[in-house]
Amino acid sequence: MRRVHRLPIALVLSLALVLPAVAQQQTAVSKQQARPAADWIRSGIVYEIYPRQFSEAGTFKGVETRLDDLDKLGVNILWLMPIHPIGEVKKKGTIGSPYAVRDYYGINPAYGTAADLKSLVRAAHQRRMKVIIDMVLNHTAWDNTLTKQHPEWYKKDAQGNITYPYDWSDVAGLDYRQPGLRVYMTEMMKYWIREFDLDGFRCDVAGEVPTDFWENARVELEKVKPDIFMLAETNKPELLVKAFEADYGWPLFHAMSKVLNEGAPATLITEVWQTEKLKFPRNALELHMYDNHDEKRGISRFGERGVLAAAGFVLTTDGIPLIYNGNEAGDSTESGAPALFEKMPIFWKFVERRPEFPKFFTHMIALRKSRPALQQGETQWLKNSAMDSVLTYVRRAGNDEILVTINFSNRPFRGTVQAQPGAYTELTPVLDEKAPKPAAFSPASLELTAWGVRIFSRSK
């Protein structure tokens, strides 16, 4: 639960200058308290790893050899995309989707052995990093053993044939009206935590699986390991009451994409942020991202400067930030479909052409990890003289205060931020592209380059 802090008088007076909340009725779920999250989750930075693409070898060992690099980067929750054997029947592409699981108790032999996975988890834990793996419980590969052993556990069409969800023709949909399926999946997840000392799961299309299944499974999983992290790939408020610590902030992701790609006003981001707060349980966490394995690479969508503006927002907004493997090197190698079904390794040598990327990410992650305000502090939006293109907001936790300014356009900005006189005179730069002589923040005169990010902190 967040602590309640008394605000400085100047900041209380400046509340009249923040953006008005979106007029919308609170939902019943939003009046409830979100499931409490452990400190390591609330302050976590998730790093998504596609083992097939992470290294040339495409193995667990290939991940383990780079753990020191990830530790130096500062991420502390490693998410491994599905590690199970991949279905061959009706597969897509040359190799197939990792989300078409052939054996829930097996390990993809291309990645290594059970011993290799255990070694990776141990090595991560030694570096104070947690490890979660993908769980794909909404559907299976067509050649999963369950299709023969328990065909009654699958969804059927009008003719009684097993069917698939959406246009995902390489997988078969599961039917959670079947009690046996629920028991099987719960026991299977317990096995992975018990045998591999995992720290939780990222659950694929979690919103398509009944909420009561997740709630019951969570109770059982905690009997094996109480301190786990459950991340739902969906945007479904009710899941955060009992079952999951966090879900996906898809609406904010799409809002930011519209601003950067389609010229929508930056105020769309604040409006969506406020709308989400009215939908979700109190103190709920959402995973925020600008890139992941389902989307066209962020650097391809937003450009080299625009993508750093997007990363700057993700790493300074509330919730939990996601870094997708290769972001820190400025990698543009595609990983979404159809690349999802092929072998297309990250080209780590991109960093030679884009040295600003590792510098930016290392700095931003260290800043976030060192400042309570950026981890789970409250957010106060401030008006400025170019609301269509510039975001200005304060993150605050107790006496820790951070002001973030981001230009989401390709035009330099020189303007003002609306604040009570003297409210932010003690803020000095902690990330400033105007170095080597950065000046203290002045609401009357703020300058940002195109796609610029400047961050100011209250002097300690």
Protein backbone atom coordinates (compact mmCIF):
# COMPACT_ATOMS: atom_id res chain seq x y z
CA MET A 1 0.00 0.00 0.00
CA ARG A 2 1.27 3.47 -0.80
CA ARG A 3 2.00 5.75 2.11
CA VAL A 4 0.16 9.05 2.28
CA HIS A 5 2.57 12.00 2.28
CA ARG A 6 1.94 15.61 3.16
CA LEU A 7 2.70 17.82 0.16
CA PRO A 8 4.65 21.09 0.30
CA ILE A 9 2.32 24.11 0.48
CA ALA A 10 3.55 25.43 -2.88
CA LEU A 11 2.71 22.13 -4.51
CA VAL A 12 -0.72 21.99 -2.95
CA LEU A 13 -1.41 25.43 -4.38
CA SER A 14 -0.19 24.29 -7.79
CA LEU A 15 -2.75 21.49 -7.95
CA ALA A 16 -5.08 23.92 -9.67
CA LEU A 17 -2.65 23.95 -12.57
CA VAL A 18 -2.59 20.23 -13.25
CA LEU A 19 -4.60 18.67 -16.02
CA PRO A 20 -8.23 18.03 -15.04
CA ALA A 21 -9.22 14.41 -14.54
CA VAL A 22 -11.20 12.74 -17.29
CA ALA A 23 -14.88 12.83 -16.40
CA GLN A 24 -15.80 9.19 -16.03
CA GLN A 25 -17.57 7.04 -13.47
CA GLN A 26 -15.42 4.78 -11.36
CA THR A 27 -16.05 1.10 -11.84
CA ALA A 28 -16.87 -1.29 -8.99
CA VAL A 29 -13.43 -2.87 -9.38
CA SER A 30 -11.69 0.50 -9.13
CA LYS A 31 -13.15 0.99 -5.65
CA GLN A 32 -11.34 -2.11 -4.43
CA GLN A 33 -7.74 -2.40 -3.30
CA ALA A 34 -5.31 -4.04 -5.71
CA ARG A 35 -3.49 -7.14 -4.60
CA PRO A 36 -0.41 -6.05 -2.57
CA ALA A 37 2.88 -6.44 -4.43
CA ALA A 38 6.26 -7.19 -2.89
CA ASP A 39 8.80 -4.38 -2.87
CA TRP A 40 10.95 -6.13 -5.50
CA ILE A 41 7.96 -6.13 -7.84
CA ARG A 42 6.90 -2.54 -7.19
CA SER A 43 10.44 -1.34 -7.83
CA GLY A 44 11.17 -3.87 -10.57
CA ILE A 45 12.33 -3.38 -14.16
CA VAL A 46 11.29 -6.29 -16.38
CA TYR A 47 13.62 -7.44 -19.15
CA GLU A 48 11.98 -9.65 -21.77
CA ILE A 49 14.21 -12.32 -23.29
CA TYR A 50 13.48 -14.31 -26.44
CA PRO A 51 16.02 -17.14 -25.93
CA ARG A 52 15.98 -18.10 -29.62
CA GLN A 53 17.01 -14.59 -30.66
CA PHE A 54 18.99 -13.37 -27.64
CA SER A 55 22.25 -14.97 -28.78
CA GLU A 56 23.63 -16.64 -31.88
CA ALA A 57 23.44 -19.95 -30.02
CA GLY A 58 19.83 -19.30 -29.04
CA THR A 59 20.18 -21.24 -25.77
CA PHE A 60 19.90 -20.86 -22.01
CA LYS A 61 23.70 -20.78 -21.93
CA GLY A 62 23.61 -17.91 -24.38
CA VAL A 63 21.50 -15.98 -21.89
CA GLU A 64 23.61 -16.94 -18.89
CA THR A 65 26.80 -15.66 -20.51
CA ARG A 66 25.28 -12.17 -20.74
CA LEU A 67 23.94 -11.97 -17.18
CA ASP A 68 26.76 -9.67 -16.11
CA ASP A 69 25.78 -7.30 -18.92
CA LEU A 70 22.16 -7.34 -17.76
CA ASP A 71 23.25 -6.80 -14.16
CA LYS A 72 25.31 -3.79 -15.26
CA LEU A 73 22.33 -2.49 -17.23
CA GLY A 74 20.35 -2.61 -13.98
CA VAL A 75 17.32 -4.75 -14.86
CA ASN A 76 16.17 -7.04 -12.06
CA ILE A 77 13.30 -9.20 -13.34
CA LEU A 78 14.12 -11.48 -16.27
CA TRP A 79 11.17 -12.80 -18.27
CA LEU A 80 11.92 -15.76 -20.49
CA MET A 81 9.51 -16.20 -23.38
CA PRO A 82 8.08 -19.76 -23.65
CA ILE A 83 10.73 -22.39 -23.02
CA HIS A 84 8.65 -25.46 -23.92
CA PRO A 85 8.91 -27.69 -27.02
CA ILE A 86 7.19 -26.14 -30.04
CA GLY A 87 4.45 -27.87 -32.00
CA GLU A 88 5.15 -29.15 -35.51
CA VAL A 89 1.60 -29.72 -36.74
CA LYS A 90 0.21 -26.61 -38.48
CA LYS A 91 3.23 -24.60 -37.34
CA LYS A 92 3.88 -21.17 -38.78
CA GLY A 93 7.16 -20.31 -40.43
CA THR A 94 10.31 -22.39 -40.44
CA ILE A 95 10.52 -23.06 -36.71
CA GLY A 96 7.08 -22.25 -35.35
CA SER A 97 5.75 -20.03 -32.61
CA PRO A 98 7.01 -20.50 -29.06
CA TYR A 99 3.39 -19.88 -28.05
CA ALA A 100 2.34 -23.20 -29.64
CA VAL A 101 3.29 -25.46 -26.72
CA ARG A 102 3.70 -29.18 -27.43
CA ASP A 103 4.59 -30.33 -23.91
CA TYR A 104 3.93 -28.29 -20.77
CA TYR A 105 6.37 -30.38 -18.75
CA GLY A 106 9.11 -30.32 -21.38
CA ILE A 107 11.94 -27.98 -22.34
CA ASN A 108 12.67 -26.94 -25.91
CA PRO A 109 15.77 -29.02 -26.75
CA ALA A 110 17.08 -26.19 -28.91
CA TYR A 111 17.41 -24.11 -25.73
CA GLY A 112 19.21 -26.74 -23.66
CA THR A 113 18.39 -29.04 -20.79
CA ALA A 114 16.67 -28.81 -17.43
CA ALA A 115 20.12 -28.55 -15.87
CA ASP A 116 20.89 -25.58 -18.14
CA LEU A 117 17.71 -23.80 -17.06
CA LYS A 118 18.44 -24.43 -13.39
CA SER A 119 21.95 -23.06 -13.88
CA LEU A 120 20.56 -19.92 -15.49
CA VAL A 121 18.10 -19.35 -12.65
CA ARG A 122 20.79 -19.89 -10.00
CA ALA A 123 23.18 -17.53 -11.76
CA ALA A 124 20.47 -14.85 -12.01
CA HIS A 125 19.61 -15.22 -8.33
CA GLN A 126 23.26 -14.81 -7.43
CA ARG A 127 23.10 -11.42 -9.15
CA ARG A 128 19.92 -10.45 -7.25
CA MET A 129 17.75 -10.89 -10.33
CA LYS A 130 14.41 -12.70 -10.36
CA VAL A 131 13.33 -15.03 -13.18
CA ILE A 132 9.81 -15.57 -14.52
CA ILE A 133 8.79 -17.67 -17.51
CA ASP A 134 5.91 -17.49 -19.97
CA MET A 135 2.86 -19.64 -19.32
CA VAL A 136 0.57 -20.22 -22.31
CA LEU A 137 -2.65 -21.63 -20.83
CA ASN A 138 -5.25 -20.42 -23.30
CA HIS A 139 -4.27 -22.83 -26.09
CA THR A 140 -1.81 -25.57 -27.07
CA ALA A 141 -0.07 -26.82 -30.18
CA TRP A 142 -2.15 -29.22 -32.28
CA ASP A 143 0.27 -32.03 -31.46
CA ASN A 144 0.27 -31.44 -27.72
CA THR A 145 -0.30 -34.79 -26.03
CA LEU A 146 -3.44 -33.39 -24.40
CA THR A 147 -5.26 -33.32 -27.76
CA LYS A 148 -5.18 -37.14 -27.75
CA GLN A 149 -5.33 -37.82 -24.02
CA HIS A 150 -8.03 -35.27 -23.19
CA PRO A 151 -9.83 -34.02 -26.31
CA GLU A 152 -12.73 -33.04 -24.02
CA TRP A 153 -10.52 -30.24 -22.64
CA TYR A 154 -10.62 -28.36 -25.95
CA LYS A 155 -13.09 -25.94 -27.48
CA LYS A 156 -15.16 -27.35 -30.35
CA ASP A 157 -16.89 -25.87 -33.36
CA ALA A 158 -20.50 -26.64 -34.35
CA GLN A 159 -19.38 -29.92 -35.93
CA GLY A 160 -17.57 -31.04 -32.78
CA ASN A 161 -14.07 -30.43 -34.12
CA ILE A 162 -11.36 -28.84 -31.99
CA THR A 163 -11.06 -25.19 -33.00
CA TYR A 164 -8.67 -22.31 -32.56
CA PRO A 165 -8.99 -18.72 -31.23
CA TYR A 166 -9.02 -15.70 -33.55
CA ASP A 167 -6.81 -16.32 -36.61
CA TRP A 168 -4.26 -18.34 -34.63
CA SER A 169 -4.47 -21.40 -36.82
CA ASP A 170 -1.33 -22.97 -35.35
CA VAL A 171 -2.91 -23.53 -31.92
CA ALA A 172 -5.97 -25.27 -30.44
CA GLY A 173 -8.17 -23.50 -27.89
CA LEU A 174 -8.68 -24.87 -24.37
CA ASP A 175 -12.00 -25.06 -22.54
CA TYR A 176 -11.81 -24.04 -18.87
CA ARG A 177 -15.28 -25.35 -18.14
CA GLN A 178 -13.49 -28.67 -17.70
CA PRO A 179 -12.45 -29.25 -14.04
CA GLY A 180 -9.71 -31.67 -15.03
CA LEU A 181 -8.00 -29.06 -17.19
CA ARG A 182 -7.94 -26.62 -14.28
CA VAL A 183 -6.30 -29.18 -11.99
CA TYR A 184 -3.75 -30.13 -14.65
CA MET A 185 -2.69 -26.54 -15.34
CA THR A 186 -2.45 -25.63 -11.67
CA GLU A 187 -0.29 -28.65 -10.85
CA MET A 188 1.86 -27.98 -13.90
CA MET A 189 2.64 -24.41 -12.79
CA LYS A 190 3.44 -25.64 -9.28
CA TYR A 191 5.92 -28.07 -10.80
CA TRP A 192 7.91 -25.31 -12.53
CA ILE A 193 8.18 -23.21 -9.39
CA ARG A 194 9.04 -26.17 -7.20
CA GLU A 195 11.61 -27.80 -9.50
CA PHE A 196 13.31 -24.72 -10.96
CA ASP A 197 12.96 -22.15 -8.16
CA LEU A 198 11.27 -19.70 -10.53
CA ASP A 199 9.90 -16.43 -9.20
CA GLY A 200 6.62 -16.36 -11.08
CA PHE A 201 4.98 -16.29 -14.48
CA ARG A 202 4.06 -13.98 -17.32
CA CYS A 203 0.71 -15.40 -18.42
CA ASP A 204 -0.11 -15.19 -22.12
CA VAL A 205 -3.56 -13.83 -23.10
CA ALA A 206 -4.55 -14.13 -19.44
CA GLY A 207 -7.82 -12.31 -20.04
CA GLU A 208 -9.10 -15.22 -22.17
CA VAL A 209 -8.74 -17.65 -19.24
CA PRO A 210 -11.43 -17.36 -16.51
CA THR A 211 -10.57 -15.07 -13.62
CA ASP A 212 -11.65 -17.62 -11.02
CA PHE A 213 -9.12 -20.10 -12.41
CA TRP A 214 -6.29 -17.61 -11.89
CA GLU A 215 -7.50 -16.75 -8.40
CA ASN A 216 -7.65 -20.38 -7.33
CA ALA A 217 -4.32 -21.18 -8.99
CA ARG A 218 -2.67 -18.26 -7.19
CA VAL A 219 -3.66 -19.72 -3.82
CA GLU A 220 -2.10 -23.05 -4.76
CA LEU A 221 1.08 -21.52 -6.18
CA GLU A 222 1.71 -19.56 -3.01
CA LYS A 223 1.77 -22.82 -1.06
CA VAL A 224 4.91 -23.68 -3.02
CA LYS A 225 6.53 -20.22 -3.01
CA PRO A 226 4.71 -17.30 -1.35
CA ASP A 227 6.77 -14.48 -2.85
CA ILE A 228 6.01 -14.83 -6.56
CA PHE A 229 5.17 -12.37 -9.34
CA MET A 230 2.19 -12.95 -11.62
CA LEU A 231 2.04 -10.76 -14.74
CA ALA A 232 -1.07 -10.89 -16.93
CA GLU A 233 -0.84 -10.18 -20.64
CA THR A 234 -4.17 -8.40 -20.83
CA ASN A 235 -5.83 -5.18 -19.75
CA LYS A 236 -8.42 -6.52 -17.33
CA PRO A 237 -8.85 -4.71 -13.99
CA GLU A 238 -10.51 -7.57 -12.09
CA LEU A 239 -7.42 -9.75 -12.45
CA LEU A 240 -5.44 -7.38 -10.22
CA VAL A 241 -7.70 -7.78 -7.20
CA LYS A 242 -6.60 -11.29 -6.17
CA ALA A 243 -4.70 -13.12 -8.89
CA PHE A 244 -2.04 -10.86 -10.45
CA GLU A 245 0.28 -8.08 -9.34
CA ALA A 246 0.30 -6.41 -12.76
CA ASP A 247 -1.23 -6.48 -16.21
CA TYR A 248 -0.36 -4.81 -19.52
CA GLY A 249 -0.83 -1.07 -19.98
CA TRP A 250 -1.96 -1.57 -23.58
CA PRO A 251 -4.10 1.61 -23.72
CA LEU A 252 -1.14 3.80 -22.73
CA PHE A 253 1.08 1.97 -25.22
CA HIS A 254 -1.38 2.63 -28.04
CA ALA A 255 -1.85 6.26 -26.98
CA MET A 256 1.90 6.88 -27.07
CA SER A 257 2.12 5.17 -30.47
CA LYS A 258 -0.61 7.46 -31.85
CA VAL A 259 1.22 10.51 -30.56
CA LEU A 260 4.57 9.49 -32.01
CA ASN A 261 3.35 7.87 -35.23
CA GLU A 262 0.10 9.57 -36.15
CA GLY A 263 0.51 13.08 -34.83
CA ALA A 264 -2.10 12.78 -32.07
CA PRO A 265 -1.71 15.44 -29.36
CA ALA A 266 0.43 14.50 -26.36
CA THR A 267 -2.57 15.21 -24.15
CA LEU A 268 -3.96 11.86 -25.36
CA ILE A 269 -1.38 10.16 -23.14
CA THR A 270 -2.53 12.02 -20.05
CA GLU A 271 -6.19 11.41 -20.84
CA VAL A 272 -5.65 7.66 -21.25
CA TRP A 273 -3.52 7.56 -18.09
CA GLN A 274 -6.33 9.19 -16.13
CA THR A 275 -8.99 6.92 -17.65
CA GLU A 276 -6.99 3.85 -16.67
CA LYS A 277 -6.75 5.05 -13.08
CA LEU A 278 -10.53 5.23 -12.92
CA LYS A 279 -10.90 1.64 -14.17
CA PHE A 280 -8.37 -0.19 -12.05
CA PRO A 281 -8.19 -1.14 -8.36
CA ARG A 282 -6.45 1.32 -6.06
CA ASN A 283 -2.64 1.08 -6.18
CA ALA A 284 -2.80 -1.29 -9.17
CA LEU A 285 0.35 -1.84 -11.21
CA GLU A 286 0.56 -2.00 -14.99
CA LEU A 287 3.47 -3.02 -17.19
CA HIS A 288 4.40 -0.12 -19.45
CA MET A 289 6.28 -0.61 -22.70
CA TYR A 290 7.10 0.83 -26.09
CA ASP A 291 8.44 -2.39 -27.63
CA ASN A 292 7.88 -6.14 -27.22
CA HIS A 293 7.80 -9.37 -29.24
CA ASP A 294 4.26 -8.72 -30.52
CA GLU A 295 4.99 -5.35 -32.07
CA LYS A 296 7.13 -3.87 -34.81
CA ARG A 297 10.39 -2.81 -33.18
CA GLY A 298 10.15 0.53 -31.41
CA ILE A 299 13.19 1.97 -33.13
CA SER A 300 11.63 1.14 -36.51
CA ARG A 301 8.34 2.79 -35.58
CA PHE A 302 9.61 5.88 -33.80
CA GLY A 303 13.13 6.44 -35.15
CA GLU A 304 16.37 6.71 -33.19
CA ARG A 305 15.44 9.91 -31.35
CA GLY A 306 11.73 9.24 -31.00
CA VAL A 307 12.34 5.83 -29.44
CA LEU A 308 14.47 7.36 -26.68
CA ALA A 309 11.65 9.79 -25.92
CA ALA A 310 9.31 6.79 -25.65
CA ALA A 311 11.80 4.95 -23.44
CA GLY A 312 12.17 8.04 -21.29
CA PHE A 313 8.43 8.07 -20.67
CA VAL A 314 8.20 4.33 -19.92
CA LEU A 315 11.08 4.56 -17.44
CA THR A 316 9.65 7.55 -15.58
CA THR A 317 5.93 6.84 -15.50
CA ASP A 318 4.30 4.84 -12.72
CA GLY A 319 3.83 1.06 -12.88
CA ILE A 320 6.55 -1.36 -14.01
CA PRO A 321 8.71 -0.62 -17.08
CA LEU A 322 9.51 -3.25 -19.71
CA ILE A 323 12.77 -3.40 -21.64
CA TYR A 324 12.74 -5.77 -24.62
CA ASN A 325 16.00 -7.53 -25.37
CA GLY A 326 18.17 -5.49 -27.70
CA ASN A 327 16.58 -2.13 -26.84
CA GLU A 328 19.70 -1.10 -24.97
CA ALA A 329 21.81 -1.62 -28.11
CA GLY A 330 19.42 0.17 -30.49
CA ASP A 331 18.72 -3.16 -32.20
CA SER A 332 16.16 -3.05 -35.01
CA THR A 333 16.01 -6.77 -35.82
CA GLU A 334 12.34 -7.72 -36.06
CA SER A 335 10.89 -10.32 -33.69
CA GLY A 336 7.11 -10.06 -34.18
CA ALA A 337 5.25 -12.26 -36.68
CA PRO A 338 6.43 -13.47 -39.13
CA ALA A 339 9.89 -13.06 -37.58
CA LEU A 340 8.46 -14.68 -34.43
CA PHE A 341 8.55 -18.01 -36.26
CA GLU A 342 12.12 -17.76 -37.55
CA LYS A 343 15.68 -17.53 -36.29
CA MET A 344 16.62 -13.82 -36.37
CA PRO A 345 19.19 -13.09 -33.64
CA ILE A 346 19.64 -9.67 -32.10
CA PHE A 347 22.47 -7.81 -33.80
CA TRP A 348 24.27 -6.61 -30.69
CA LYS A 349 26.95 -4.82 -32.74
CA PHE A 350 24.42 -2.09 -33.51
CA VAL A 351 25.72 -0.50 -30.33
CA GLU A 352 28.86 0.58 -32.24
CA ARG A 353 26.67 2.87 -34.34
CA ARG A 354 24.38 3.89 -31.48
CA PRO A 355 26.57 4.32 -28.36
CA GLU A 356 24.03 6.73 -26.92
CA PHE A 357 21.59 3.85 -26.36
CA PRO A 358 23.42 1.87 -23.63
CA LYS A 359 24.43 5.17 -22.02
CA PHE A 360 20.82 6.38 -21.96
CA PHE A 361 19.34 3.12 -20.65
CA THR A 362 21.99 2.57 -18.00
CA HIS A 363 21.58 6.12 -16.75
CA MET A 364 17.77 6.02 -16.77
CA ILE A 365 17.53 2.63 -15.07
CA ALA A 366 20.01 3.65 -12.36
CA LEU A 367 18.03 6.84 -11.82
CA ARG A 368 14.76 4.97 -11.51
CA LYS A 369 16.20 2.41 -9.10
CA SER A 370 17.73 5.08 -6.88
CA ARG A 371 14.67 7.30 -6.55
CA PRO A 372 11.49 6.24 -4.72
CA ALA A 373 9.54 8.91 -6.61
CA LEU A 374 10.23 7.18 -9.93
CA GLN A 375 9.49 3.70 -8.65
CA GLN A 376 5.99 4.07 -7.24
CA GLY A 377 5.54 7.71 -6.37
CA GLU A 378 2.39 9.62 -7.18
CA THR A 379 2.09 11.49 -10.48
CA GLN A 380 1.09 15.14 -10.96
CA TRP A 381 0.60 16.39 -14.52
CA LEU A 382 1.58 19.99 -15.24
CA LYS A 383 0.43 22.23 -18.06
CA ASN A 384 2.93 23.78 -20.46
CA SER A 385 2.84 26.10 -23.44
CA ALA A 386 2.92 23.30 -26.04
CA MET A 387 0.51 20.69 -24.73
CA ASP A 388 0.11 19.02 -28.12
CA SER A 389 3.73 17.90 -28.19
CA VAL A 390 5.30 18.21 -24.73
CA LEU A 391 4.64 16.25 -21.53
CA THR A 392 5.55 17.75 -18.16
CA TYR A 393 4.88 15.88 -14.95
CA VAL A 394 6.11 15.46 -11.40
CA ARG A 395 6.72 12.13 -9.66
CA ARG A 396 6.74 12.39 -5.87
CA ALA A 397 7.24 10.12 -2.87
CA GLY A 398 7.60 11.92 0.44
CA ASN A 399 10.40 14.46 0.07
CA ASP A 400 11.71 12.82 -3.09
CA GLU A 401 10.58 14.78 -6.12
CA ILE A 402 11.36 14.39 -9.83
CA LEU A 403 10.16 16.61 -12.68
CA VAL A 404 10.10 14.97 -16.12
CA THR A 405 9.89 16.94 -19.38
CA ILE A 406 9.63 15.13 -22.73
CA ASN A 407 9.22 16.49 -26.24
CA PHE A 408 7.22 14.05 -28.39
CA SER A 409 7.78 15.99 -31.59
CA ASN A 410 10.49 16.63 -34.18
CA ARG A 411 10.45 20.37 -33.43
CA PRO A 412 12.55 22.00 -30.71
CA PHE A 413 10.56 23.45 -27.83
CA ARG A 414 11.17 26.68 -25.99
CA GLY A 415 8.37 27.66 -23.69
CA THR A 416 6.94 27.66 -20.19
CA VAL A 417 5.55 25.29 -17.59
CA GLN A 418 2.65 26.50 -15.49
CA ALA A 419 3.48 26.42 -11.80
CA GLN A 420 3.08 28.62 -8.75
CA PRO A 421 5.97 31.06 -8.37
CA GLY A 422 8.87 29.42 -6.59
CA ALA A 423 7.30 25.95 -6.62
CA TYR A 424 10.13 24.22 -8.46
CA THR A 425 13.10 26.54 -8.04
CA GLU A 426 15.07 23.90 -6.12
CA LEU A 427 14.98 21.37 -8.96
CA THR A 428 18.30 20.70 -10.66
CA PRO A 429 19.08 18.46 -13.67
CA VAL A 430 19.72 14.73 -13.30
CA LEU A 431 19.35 14.02 -17.02
CA ASP A 432 20.06 16.99 -19.24
CA GLU A 433 21.01 16.98 -22.90
CA LYS A 434 22.06 20.62 -22.52
CA ALA A 435 25.15 19.64 -20.53
CA PRO A 436 27.98 20.48 -19.78
CA LYS A 437 26.45 23.57 -18.19
CA PRO A 438 22.90 22.58 -17.26
CA ALA A 439 20.91 25.16 -15.39
CA ALA A 440 18.37 24.71 -12.63
CA PHE A 441 14.80 24.26 -13.79
CA SER A 442 12.88 27.45 -14.53
CA PRO A 443 9.12 27.24 -15.25
CA ALA A 444 9.44 30.48 -17.19
CA SER A 445 12.00 29.12 -19.64
CA LEU A 446 12.18 25.45 -20.59
CA GLU A 447 14.08 24.29 -23.67
CA LEU A 448 13.90 20.82 -25.24
CA THR A 449 15.46 19.59 -28.45
CA ALA A 450 13.36 17.57 -30.89
CA TRP A 451 12.44 14.34 -29.07
CA GLY A 452 14.33 15.73 -26.07
CA VAL A 453 14.15 14.37 -22.52
CA ARG A 454 15.17 16.48 -19.53
CA ILE A 455 14.71 15.39 -15.92
CA PHE A 456 15.09 17.53 -12.82
CA SER A 457 15.35 16.57 -9.15
CA ARG A 458 14.82 18.37 -5.89
CA SER A 459 18.22 19.12 -4.34
CA LYS A 460 19.10 16.80 -1.49
